[in-house]
Structures are given as structure tokens and as C-alpha cells.
Full PDB file with SEQRES, HELIX, SHEET, SSBOND, CRYST1, ORIGX, SCALE, CONECT and MASTER records, all heavy atoms in Angstrom:
SEQRES   1 A   33  LEU ASN PRO LEU ASN VAL PRO CYS GLY PRO ILE LEU SER          
SEQRES   2 A   33  MET LYS GLU LEU ALA GLU GLU PRO SER LEU ARG GLU THR          
SEQRES   3 A   33  GLY THR ILE VAL GLU VAL ASP                                  
HELIX    1 AA1 ASN A    2  LEU A    4  5                                   3    
HELIX    2 AA2 MET A   14  ALA A   18  1                                   5    
HELIX    3 AA3 PRO A   21  GLU A   25  1                                   5    
CRYST1    1.000    1.000    1.000  90.00  90.00  90.00 P 1           1          
ORIGX1      1.000000  0.000000  0.000000        0.00000                         
ORIGX2      0.000000  1.000000  0.000000        0.00000                         
ORIGX3      0.000000  0.000000  1.000000        0.00000                         
SCALE1      1.000000  0.000000  0.000000        0.00000                         
SCALE2      0.000000  1.000000  0.000000        0.00000                         
SCALE3      0.000000  0.000000  1.000000        0.00000                         
ATOM      1  N   LEU A   1      -7.726  -2.846 -15.134  1.00  0.00           N  
ATOM      2  CA  LEU A   1      -8.238  -4.185 -14.837  1.00  0.00           C  
ATOM      3  C   LEU A   1      -9.148  -4.242 -13.616  1.00  0.00           C  
ATOM      4  O   LEU A   1     -10.054  -5.086 -13.555  1.00  0.00           O  
ATOM      5  CB  LEU A   1      -7.080  -5.164 -14.670  1.00  0.00           C  
ATOM      6  CG  LEU A   1      -6.224  -5.419 -15.919  1.00  0.00           C  
ATOM      7  CD1 LEU A   1      -5.217  -6.533 -15.642  1.00  0.00           C  
ATOM      8  CD2 LEU A   1      -7.085  -5.766 -17.126  1.00  0.00           C  
ATOM      9  N   ASN A   2      -8.914  -3.394 -12.633  1.00  0.00           N  
ATOM     10  CA  ASN A   2      -9.747  -3.454 -11.429  1.00  0.00           C  
ATOM     11  C   ASN A   2     -11.234  -3.240 -11.708  1.00  0.00           C  
ATOM     12  O   ASN A   2     -12.072  -3.978 -11.177  1.00  0.00           O  
ATOM     13  CB  ASN A   2      -9.252  -2.451 -10.391  1.00  0.00           C  
ATOM     14  CG  ASN A   2      -8.200  -3.058  -9.482  1.00  0.00           C  
ATOM     15  OD1 ASN A   2      -8.156  -4.264  -9.287  1.00  0.00           O  
ATOM     16  ND2 ASN A   2      -7.341  -2.218  -8.927  1.00  0.00           N  
ATOM     17  N   PRO A   3     -11.620  -2.241 -12.520  1.00  0.00           N  
ATOM     18  CA  PRO A   3     -13.053  -2.084 -12.816  1.00  0.00           C  
ATOM     19  C   PRO A   3     -13.650  -3.284 -13.548  1.00  0.00           C  
ATOM     20  O   PRO A   3     -14.870  -3.469 -13.539  1.00  0.00           O  
ATOM     21  CB  PRO A   3     -13.096  -0.824 -13.704  1.00  0.00           C  
ATOM     22  CG  PRO A   3     -11.843  -0.080 -13.365  1.00  0.00           C  
ATOM     23  CD  PRO A   3     -10.826  -1.129 -13.092  1.00  0.00           C  
ATOM     24  N   LEU A   4     -12.784  -4.104 -14.163  1.00  0.00           N  
ATOM     25  CA  LEU A   4     -13.247  -5.301 -14.866  1.00  0.00           C  
ATOM     26  C   LEU A   4     -13.281  -6.517 -13.942  1.00  0.00           C  
ATOM     27  O   LEU A   4     -13.567  -7.628 -14.394  1.00  0.00           O  
ATOM     28  CB  LEU A   4     -12.327  -5.582 -16.060  1.00  0.00           C  
ATOM     29  CG  LEU A   4     -12.203  -4.462 -17.106  1.00  0.00           C  
ATOM     30  CD1 LEU A   4     -11.170  -4.834 -18.161  1.00  0.00           C  
ATOM     31  CD2 LEU A   4     -13.559  -4.173 -17.746  1.00  0.00           C  
ATOM     32  N   ASN A   5     -12.958  -6.279 -12.651  1.00  0.00           N  
ATOM     33  CA  ASN A   5     -12.932  -7.352 -11.642  1.00  0.00           C  
ATOM     34  C   ASN A   5     -11.884  -8.419 -11.926  1.00  0.00           C  
ATOM     35  O   ASN A   5     -12.040  -9.584 -11.534  1.00  0.00           O  
ATOM     36  CB  ASN A   5     -14.308  -8.003 -11.493  1.00  0.00           C  
ATOM     37  CG  ASN A   5     -15.336  -7.058 -10.896  1.00  0.00           C  
ATOM     38  OD1 ASN A   5     -15.040  -6.319  -9.957  1.00  0.00           O  
ATOM     39  ND2 ASN A   5     -16.541  -7.052 -11.463  1.00  0.00           N  
ATOM     40  N   VAL A   6     -10.827  -8.020 -12.617  1.00  0.00           N  
ATOM     41  CA  VAL A   6      -9.707  -8.932 -12.854  1.00  0.00           C  
ATOM     42  C   VAL A   6      -8.766  -8.841 -11.656  1.00  0.00           C  
ATOM     43  O   VAL A   6      -8.224  -7.771 -11.376  1.00  0.00           O  
ATOM     44  CB  VAL A   6      -8.950  -8.567 -14.145  1.00  0.00           C  
ATOM     45  CG1 VAL A   6      -7.723  -9.480 -14.318  1.00  0.00           C  
ATOM     46  CG2 VAL A   6      -9.871  -8.678 -15.354  1.00  0.00           C  
ATOM     47  N   PRO A   7      -8.561  -9.919 -10.911  1.00  0.00           N  
ATOM     48  CA  PRO A   7      -7.648  -9.858  -9.766  1.00  0.00           C  
ATOM     49  C   PRO A   7      -6.215  -9.583 -10.226  1.00  0.00           C  
ATOM     50  O   PRO A   7      -5.682 -10.303 -11.073  1.00  0.00           O  
ATOM     51  CB  PRO A   7      -7.759 -11.256  -9.147  1.00  0.00           C  
ATOM     52  CG  PRO A   7      -9.021 -11.837  -9.701  1.00  0.00           C  
ATOM     53  CD  PRO A   7      -9.171 -11.251 -11.066  1.00  0.00           C  
ATOM     54  N   CYS A   8      -5.616  -8.539  -9.681  1.00  0.00           N  
ATOM     55  CA  CYS A   8      -4.246  -8.202 -10.047  1.00  0.00           C  
ATOM     56  C   CYS A   8      -3.644  -7.328  -8.957  1.00  0.00           C  
ATOM     57  O   CYS A   8      -4.362  -6.669  -8.202  1.00  0.00           O  
ATOM     58  CB  CYS A   8      -4.183  -7.478 -11.393  1.00  0.00           C  
ATOM     59  SG  CYS A   8      -5.111  -5.925 -11.455  1.00  0.00           S  
ATOM     60  N   GLY A   9      -2.331  -7.358  -8.874  1.00  0.00           N  
ATOM     61  CA  GLY A   9      -1.664  -6.553  -7.863  1.00  0.00           C  
ATOM     62  C   GLY A   9      -0.262  -6.186  -8.287  1.00  0.00           C  
ATOM     63  O   GLY A   9       0.500  -7.056  -8.739  1.00  0.00           O  
ATOM     64  N   PRO A  10       0.113  -4.911  -8.162  1.00  0.00           N  
ATOM     65  CA  PRO A  10       1.458  -4.498  -8.546  1.00  0.00           C  
ATOM     66  C   PRO A  10       2.494  -5.031  -7.574  1.00  0.00           C  
ATOM     67  O   PRO A  10       2.203  -5.256  -6.398  1.00  0.00           O  
ATOM     68  CB  PRO A  10       1.385  -2.968  -8.480  1.00  0.00           C  
ATOM     69  CG  PRO A  10       0.347  -2.696  -7.435  1.00  0.00           C  
ATOM     70  CD  PRO A  10      -0.673  -3.796  -7.595  1.00  0.00           C  
ATOM     71  N   ILE A  11       3.692  -5.256  -8.047  1.00  0.00           N  
ATOM     72  CA  ILE A  11       4.802  -5.620  -7.179  1.00  0.00           C  
ATOM     73  C   ILE A  11       5.255  -4.335  -6.488  1.00  0.00           C  
ATOM     74  O   ILE A  11       5.857  -3.460  -7.121  1.00  0.00           O  
ATOM     75  CB  ILE A  11       5.967  -6.240  -7.978  1.00  0.00           C  
ATOM     76  CG1 ILE A  11       5.468  -7.394  -8.850  1.00  0.00           C  
ATOM     77  CG2 ILE A  11       7.073  -6.690  -7.030  1.00  0.00           C  
ATOM     78  CD1 ILE A  11       4.729  -8.477  -8.094  1.00  0.00           C  
ATOM     79  N   LEU A  12       4.934  -4.201  -5.211  1.00  0.00           N  
ATOM     80  CA  LEU A  12       5.267  -2.993  -4.464  1.00  0.00           C  
ATOM     81  C   LEU A  12       6.558  -3.206  -3.680  1.00  0.00           C  
ATOM     82  O   LEU A  12       6.685  -4.182  -2.938  1.00  0.00           O  
ATOM     83  CB  LEU A  12       4.127  -2.624  -3.507  1.00  0.00           C  
ATOM     84  CG  LEU A  12       2.802  -2.245  -4.163  1.00  0.00           C  
ATOM     85  CD1 LEU A  12       1.747  -1.948  -3.097  1.00  0.00           C  
ATOM     86  CD2 LEU A  12       2.972  -1.045  -5.092  1.00  0.00           C  
ATOM     87  N   SER A  13       7.505  -2.302  -3.876  1.00  0.00           N  
ATOM     88  CA  SER A  13       8.769  -2.383  -3.151  1.00  0.00           C  
ATOM     89  C   SER A  13       8.572  -1.931  -1.712  1.00  0.00           C  
ATOM     90  O   SER A  13       7.556  -1.310  -1.362  1.00  0.00           O  
ATOM     91  CB  SER A  13       9.808  -1.490  -3.825  1.00  0.00           C  
ATOM     92  OG  SER A  13       9.456  -0.111  -3.650  1.00  0.00           O  
ATOM     93  N   MET A  14       9.545  -2.228  -0.861  1.00  0.00           N  
ATOM     94  CA  MET A  14       9.475  -1.760   0.521  1.00  0.00           C  
ATOM     95  C   MET A  14       9.477  -0.233   0.581  1.00  0.00           C  
ATOM     96  O   MET A  14       8.845   0.359   1.464  1.00  0.00           O  
ATOM     97  CB  MET A  14      10.635  -2.329   1.332  1.00  0.00           C  
ATOM     98  CG  MET A  14      10.419  -3.746   1.781  1.00  0.00           C  
ATOM     99  SD  MET A  14       8.990  -3.871   2.892  1.00  0.00           S  
ATOM    100  CE  MET A  14       8.481  -5.563   2.572  1.00  0.00           C  
ATOM    101  N   LYS A  15      10.157   0.405  -0.352  1.00  0.00           N  
ATOM    102  CA  LYS A  15      10.153   1.873  -0.391  1.00  0.00           C  
ATOM    103  C   LYS A  15       8.754   2.389  -0.706  1.00  0.00           C  
ATOM    104  O   LYS A  15       8.259   3.325  -0.072  1.00  0.00           O  
ATOM    105  CB  LYS A  15      11.145   2.382  -1.438  1.00  0.00           C  
ATOM    106  CG  LYS A  15      11.295   3.900  -1.482  1.00  0.00           C  
ATOM    107  CD  LYS A  15      12.385   4.306  -2.471  1.00  0.00           C  
ATOM    108  CE  LYS A  15      12.677   5.805  -2.404  1.00  0.00           C  
ATOM    109  NZ  LYS A  15      11.516   6.648  -2.733  1.00  0.00           N  
ATOM    110  N   GLU A  16       8.091   1.760  -1.672  1.00  0.00           N  
ATOM    111  CA  GLU A  16       6.735   2.183  -2.022  1.00  0.00           C  
ATOM    112  C   GLU A  16       5.773   1.948  -0.870  1.00  0.00           C  
ATOM    113  O   GLU A  16       4.902   2.785  -0.590  1.00  0.00           O  
ATOM    114  CB  GLU A  16       6.269   1.421  -3.269  1.00  0.00           C  
ATOM    115  CG  GLU A  16       6.981   1.864  -4.543  1.00  0.00           C  
ATOM    116  CD  GLU A  16       6.668   0.967  -5.729  1.00  0.00           C  
ATOM    117  OE1 GLU A  16       6.718  -0.272  -5.560  1.00  0.00           O  
ATOM    118  OE2 GLU A  16       6.396   1.496  -6.821  1.00  0.00           O  
ATOM    119  N   LEU A  17       5.924   0.820  -0.184  1.00  0.00           N  
ATOM    120  CA  LEU A  17       5.052   0.540   0.949  1.00  0.00           C  
ATOM    121  C   LEU A  17       5.287   1.516   2.095  1.00  0.00           C  
ATOM    122  O   LEU A  17       4.336   1.987   2.728  1.00  0.00           O  
ATOM    123  CB  LEU A  17       5.282  -0.899   1.430  1.00  0.00           C  
ATOM    124  CG  LEU A  17       4.787  -1.999   0.488  1.00  0.00           C  
ATOM    125  CD1 LEU A  17       5.337  -3.346   0.912  1.00  0.00           C  
ATOM    126  CD2 LEU A  17       3.271  -2.022   0.446  1.00  0.00           C  
ATOM    127  N   ALA A  18       6.552   1.837   2.346  1.00  0.00           N  
ATOM    128  CA  ALA A  18       6.881   2.765   3.432  1.00  0.00           C  
ATOM    129  C   ALA A  18       6.300   4.155   3.183  1.00  0.00           C  
ATOM    130  O   ALA A  18       5.993   4.888   4.129  1.00  0.00           O  
ATOM    131  CB  ALA A  18       8.389   2.847   3.605  1.00  0.00           C  
ATOM    132  N   GLU A  19       6.149   4.509   1.912  1.00  0.00           N  
ATOM    133  CA  GLU A  19       5.671   5.849   1.562  1.00  0.00           C  
ATOM    134  C   GLU A  19       4.180   5.889   1.238  1.00  0.00           C  
ATOM    135  O   GLU A  19       3.652   6.945   0.901  1.00  0.00           O  
ATOM    136  CB  GLU A  19       6.481   6.370   0.365  1.00  0.00           C  
ATOM    137  CG  GLU A  19       7.967   6.562   0.680  1.00  0.00           C  
ATOM    138  CD  GLU A  19       8.794   6.908  -0.544  1.00  0.00           C  
ATOM    139  OE1 GLU A  19       8.226   6.852  -1.677  1.00  0.00           O  
ATOM    140  OE2 GLU A  19       9.987   7.216  -0.397  1.00  0.00           O  
ATOM    141  N   GLU A  20       3.489   4.753   1.339  1.00  0.00           N  
ATOM    142  CA  GLU A  20       2.073   4.685   0.974  1.00  0.00           C  
ATOM    143  C   GLU A  20       1.199   5.341   2.058  1.00  0.00           C  
ATOM    144  O   GLU A  20       1.124   4.852   3.188  1.00  0.00           O  
ATOM    145  CB  GLU A  20       1.666   3.227   0.773  1.00  0.00           C  
ATOM    146  CG  GLU A  20       0.181   2.992   0.564  1.00  0.00           C  
ATOM    147  CD  GLU A  20      -0.396   3.831  -0.576  1.00  0.00           C  
ATOM    148  OE1 GLU A  20       0.209   3.832  -1.666  1.00  0.00           O  
ATOM    149  OE2 GLU A  20      -1.437   4.475  -0.355  1.00  0.00           O  
ATOM    150  N   PRO A  21       0.520   6.444   1.736  1.00  0.00           N  
ATOM    151  CA  PRO A  21      -0.273   7.168   2.748  1.00  0.00           C  
ATOM    152  C   PRO A  21      -1.378   6.328   3.378  1.00  0.00           C  
ATOM    153  O   PRO A  21      -1.648   6.445   4.577  1.00  0.00           O  
ATOM    154  CB  PRO A  21      -0.863   8.347   1.959  1.00  0.00           C  
ATOM    155  CG  PRO A  21       0.026   8.500   0.769  1.00  0.00           C  
ATOM    156  CD  PRO A  21       0.498   7.127   0.428  1.00  0.00           C  
ATOM    157  N   SER A  22      -2.020   5.474   2.596  1.00  0.00           N  
ATOM    158  CA  SER A  22      -3.149   4.708   3.140  1.00  0.00           C  
ATOM    159  C   SER A  22      -2.702   3.753   4.239  1.00  0.00           C  
ATOM    160  O   SER A  22      -3.455   3.499   5.194  1.00  0.00           O  
ATOM    161  CB  SER A  22      -3.842   3.911   2.024  1.00  0.00           C  
ATOM    162  OG  SER A  22      -2.986   2.914   1.494  1.00  0.00           O  
ATOM    163  N   LEU A  23      -1.477   3.237   4.154  1.00  0.00           N  
ATOM    164  CA  LEU A  23      -0.976   2.329   5.185  1.00  0.00           C  
ATOM    165  C   LEU A  23      -0.670   3.080   6.479  1.00  0.00           C  
ATOM    166  O   LEU A  23      -0.757   2.519   7.573  1.00  0.00           O  
ATOM    167  CB  LEU A  23       0.262   1.587   4.693  1.00  0.00           C  
ATOM    168  CG  LEU A  23       0.042   0.657   3.497  1.00  0.00           C  
ATOM    169  CD1 LEU A  23       1.348  -0.011   3.084  1.00  0.00           C  
ATOM    170  CD2 LEU A  23      -1.015  -0.404   3.811  1.00  0.00           C  
ATOM    171  N   ARG A  24      -0.311   4.369   6.350  1.00  0.00           N  
ATOM    172  CA  ARG A  24      -0.125   5.199   7.556  1.00  0.00           C  
ATOM    173  C   ARG A  24      -1.482   5.483   8.200  1.00  0.00           C  
ATOM    174  O   ARG A  24      -1.628   5.452   9.426  1.00  0.00           O  
ATOM    175  CB  ARG A  24       0.554   6.523   7.189  1.00  0.00           C  
ATOM    176  CG  ARG A  24       1.887   6.407   6.467  1.00  0.00           C  
ATOM    177  CD  ARG A  24       2.999   5.913   7.375  1.00  0.00           C  
ATOM    178  NE  ARG A  24       4.277   5.965   6.691  1.00  0.00           N  
ATOM    179  CZ  ARG A  24       5.145   6.972   6.774  1.00  0.00           C  
ATOM    180  NH1 ARG A  24       4.873   8.010   7.538  1.00  0.00           N  
ATOM    181  NH2 ARG A  24       6.293   6.931   6.111  1.00  0.00           N  
ATOM    182  N   GLU A  25      -2.474   5.769   7.356  1.00  0.00           N  
ATOM    183  CA  GLU A  25      -3.791   6.122   7.879  1.00  0.00           C  
ATOM    184  C   GLU A  25      -4.448   4.962   8.631  1.00  0.00           C  
ATOM    185  O   GLU A  25      -5.154   5.170   9.613  1.00  0.00           O  
ATOM    186  CB  GLU A  25      -4.694   6.572   6.726  1.00  0.00           C  
ATOM    187  CG  GLU A  25      -4.259   7.899   6.099  1.00  0.00           C  
ATOM    188  CD  GLU A  25      -4.991   8.206   4.807  1.00  0.00           C  
ATOM    189  OE1 GLU A  25      -5.893   7.418   4.439  1.00  0.00           O  
ATOM    190  OE2 GLU A  25      -4.658   9.207   4.147  1.00  0.00           O  
ATOM    191  N   THR A  26      -4.201   3.746   8.190  1.00  0.00           N  
ATOM    192  CA  THR A  26      -4.816   2.586   8.840  1.00  0.00           C  
ATOM    193  C   THR A  26      -3.979   2.068  10.008  1.00  0.00           C  
ATOM    194  O   THR A  26      -4.422   1.148  10.720  1.00  0.00           O  
ATOM    195  CB  THR A  26      -5.002   1.428   7.836  1.00  0.00           C  
ATOM    196  OG1 THR A  26      -3.719   1.051   7.301  1.00  0.00           O  
ATOM    197  CG2 THR A  26      -5.930   1.848   6.703  1.00  0.00           C  
ATOM    198  N   GLY A  27      -2.796   2.623  10.211  1.00  0.00           N  
ATOM    199  CA  GLY A  27      -1.943   2.150  11.295  1.00  0.00           C  
ATOM    200  C   GLY A  27      -1.188   0.879  10.969  1.00  0.00           C  
ATOM    201  O   GLY A  27      -0.622   0.245  11.855  1.00  0.00           O  
ATOM    202  N   THR A  28      -1.159   0.512   9.695  1.00  0.00           N  
ATOM    203  CA  THR A  28      -0.406  -0.670   9.284  1.00  0.00           C  
ATOM    204  C   THR A  28       1.092  -0.389   9.311  1.00  0.00           C  
ATOM    205  O   THR A  28       1.897  -1.267   9.626  1.00  0.00           O  
ATOM    206  CB  THR A  28      -0.851  -1.119   7.881  1.00  0.00           C  
ATOM    207  OG1 THR A  28      -2.257  -1.400   7.922  1.00  0.00           O  
ATOM    208  CG2 THR A  28      -0.103  -2.352   7.428  1.00  0.00           C  
ATOM    209  N   ILE A  29       1.458   0.832   8.970  1.00  0.00           N  
ATOM    210  CA  ILE A  29       2.827   1.328   9.148  1.00  0.00           C  
ATOM    211  C   ILE A  29       2.749   2.543  10.053  1.00  0.00           C  
ATOM    212  O   ILE A  29       1.913   3.431   9.842  1.00  0.00           O  
ATOM    213  CB  ILE A  29       3.484   1.683   7.801  1.00  0.00           C  
ATOM    214  CG1 ILE A  29       3.732   0.403   6.983  1.00  0.00           C  
ATOM    215  CG2 ILE A  29       4.805   2.417   8.019  1.00  0.00           C  
ATOM    216  CD1 ILE A  29       4.368   0.637   5.635  1.00  0.00           C  
ATOM    217  N   VAL A  30       3.584   2.571  11.085  1.00  0.00           N  
ATOM    218  CA  VAL A  30       3.507   3.609  12.108  1.00  0.00           C  
ATOM    219  C   VAL A  30       4.874   4.264  12.284  1.00  0.00           C  
ATOM    220  O   VAL A  30       5.906   3.583  12.280  1.00  0.00           O  
ATOM    221  CB  VAL A  30       3.057   3.008  13.460  1.00  0.00           C  
ATOM    222  CG1 VAL A  30       2.927   4.087  14.522  1.00  0.00           C  
ATOM    223  CG2 VAL A  30       1.734   2.260  13.300  1.00  0.00           C  
ATOM    224  N   GLU A  31       4.871   5.577  12.427  1.00  0.00           N  
ATOM    225  CA  GLU A  31       6.100   6.288  12.756  1.00  0.00           C  
ATOM    226  C   GLU A  31       6.170   6.461  14.270  1.00  0.00           C  
ATOM    227  O   GLU A  31       5.233   6.956  14.885  1.00  0.00           O  
ATOM    228  CB  GLU A  31       6.144   7.655  12.071  1.00  0.00           C  
ATOM    229  CG  GLU A  31       7.463   8.382  12.285  1.00  0.00           C  
ATOM    230  CD  GLU A  31       7.535   9.705  11.536  1.00  0.00           C  
ATOM    231  OE1 GLU A  31       6.911  10.689  12.008  1.00  0.00           O  
ATOM    232  OE2 GLU A  31       8.194   9.756  10.482  1.00  0.00           O  
ATOM    233  N   VAL A  32       7.280   6.027  14.849  1.00  0.00           N  
ATOM    234  CA  VAL A  32       7.455   6.041  16.300  1.00  0.00           C  
ATOM    235  C   VAL A  32       8.681   6.879  16.642  1.00  0.00           C  
ATOM    236  O   VAL A  32       9.668   6.882  15.896  1.00  0.00           O  
ATOM    237  CB  VAL A  32       7.630   4.597  16.835  1.00  0.00           C  
ATOM    238  CG1 VAL A  32       7.803   4.606  18.337  1.00  0.00           C  
ATOM    239  CG2 VAL A  32       6.434   3.738  16.443  1.00  0.00           C  
ATOM    240  N   ASP A  33       8.615   7.585  17.758  1.00  0.00           N  
ATOM    241  CA  ASP A  33       9.735   8.422  18.196  1.00  0.00           C  
ATOM    242  C   ASP A  33      10.476   7.716  19.328  1.00  0.00           C  
ATOM    243  O   ASP A  33       9.882   7.352  20.345  1.00  0.00           O  
ATOM    244  CB  ASP A  33       9.224   9.785  18.665  1.00  0.00           C  
ATOM    245  CG  ASP A  33      10.332  10.842  18.662  1.00  0.00           C  
ATOM    246  OD1 ASP A  33      11.471  10.513  18.288  1.00  0.00           O  
ATOM    247  OD2 ASP A  33      10.047  11.996  19.024  1.00  0.00           O  
TER     248      ASP A  33                                                      
MASTER        0    0    0    3    0    0    0    6  247    1    0    3          
END                                                                             
């Protein structure tokens, strides 16, 4: 659907968000010691 410009979004769980590499790269989710 995205190439057809149909707005849509998957229901992402907190586990999926925590493991999403792009969110780590942008600093939206950060690992702290």
C-alpha cells in the first residue's frame, strides 16, 4: 500500500518498537548504562 500512497500503519507492539533499529539510529530509543 505504501507505493500506492495509501496511508496505513501496522500496530507495533512495545517489543517491536524496542527492537526497531531505525529508532535507535535516530535516538528516539536510547540504551543507557
